Amino acid sequence: MIDVQRLDGKKYWINPHMIESMEQNPDLTLTMLSGKKIVVKDTPDELIHKIISYRRKIGIEAQEV
């Protein structure tokens, strides 16, 4: 799980493997595989860094081609 910050400042944890897409307009909107949308304060670069760090932590990057 990775943490994201909602617009109200509260932390929220999500499974990064459930993110279908990200769109910045102007806040970052995550669309989950379930269809749920989550608007966060994090920038796309911050979120991508968190996802990469999480995947390294659980050892997934070694399995990717």
Protein backbone atom coordinates (compact mmCIF):
# COMPACT_ATOMS: atom_id res chain seq x y z
CA MET A 1 0.00 0.00 0.00
CA ILE A 2 1.13 3.55 -0.66
CA ASP A 3 -0.04 6.70 1.07
CA VAL A 4 -1.62 9.59 -0.79
CA GLN A 5 -2.87 12.89 0.59
CA ARG A 6 -6.47 13.86 -0.02
CA LEU A 7 -7.36 17.49 -0.70
CA ASP A 8 -8.52 17.89 2.93
CA GLY A 9 -5.00 16.91 4.09
CA LYS A 10 -5.89 13.44 5.39
CA LYS A 11 -3.67 10.50 4.50
CA TYR A 12 -5.25 7.66 2.57
CA TRP A 13 -3.64 4.34 1.64
CA ILE A 14 -4.25 2.66 -1.69
CA ASN A 15 -3.07 -0.43 -3.49
CA PRO A 16 -0.99 0.92 -6.40
CA HIS A 17 -1.76 -2.17 -8.49
CA MET A 18 -5.41 -1.08 -8.56
CA ILE A 19 -4.69 2.27 -10.26
CA GLU A 20 -5.98 2.24 -13.83
CA SER A 21 -5.03 5.81 -14.77
CA MET A 22 -3.95 9.20 -13.46
CA GLU A 23 -5.11 12.56 -14.79
CA GLN A 24 -4.05 16.02 -13.66
CA ASN A 25 -6.82 18.61 -14.00
CA PRO A 26 -5.45 20.60 -12.00
CA ASP A 27 -5.46 18.22 -9.03
CA LEU A 28 -4.37 14.64 -9.61
CA THR A 29 -7.32 12.31 -10.12
CA LEU A 30 -6.70 8.58 -9.79
CA THR A 31 -9.12 6.22 -11.48
CA MET A 32 -9.10 2.83 -9.82
CA LEU A 33 -9.88 -0.47 -11.57
CA SER A 34 -13.19 -0.48 -9.69
CA GLY A 35 -14.12 2.79 -11.41
CA LYS A 36 -13.80 4.81 -8.19
CA LYS A 37 -12.06 8.16 -8.59
CA ILE A 38 -9.78 9.60 -5.90
CA VAL A 39 -8.54 13.21 -6.03
CA VAL A 40 -5.19 13.73 -4.28
CA LYS A 41 -2.72 16.53 -3.55
CA ASP A 42 0.27 14.46 -4.61
CA THR A 43 1.92 15.37 -7.90
CA PRO A 44 2.24 12.74 -10.63
CA ASP A 45 6.02 12.59 -10.06
CA GLU A 46 5.55 12.05 -6.30
CA LEU A 47 3.04 9.30 -6.88
CA ILE A 48 5.15 7.56 -9.51
CA HIS A 49 8.13 7.67 -7.12
CA LYS A 50 5.99 6.10 -4.35
CA ILE A 51 4.80 3.36 -6.72
CA ILE A 52 8.35 2.56 -7.88
CA SER A 53 9.60 2.48 -4.26
CA TYR A 54 6.74 0.20 -3.24
CA ARG A 55 7.39 -2.19 -6.14
CA ARG A 56 11.10 -2.32 -5.26
CA LYS A 57 10.23 -2.97 -1.62
CA ILE A 58 8.10 -6.00 -2.48
CA GLY A 59 10.54 -7.24 -5.16
CA ILE A 60 8.34 -6.86 -8.22
CA GLU A 61 10.79 -4.87 -10.35
CA ALA A 62 13.04 -7.93 -10.60
CA GLN A 63 10.21 -9.84 -12.32
CA GLU A 64 9.54 -7.22 -15.00
CA VAL A 65 11.02 -7.38 -18.46
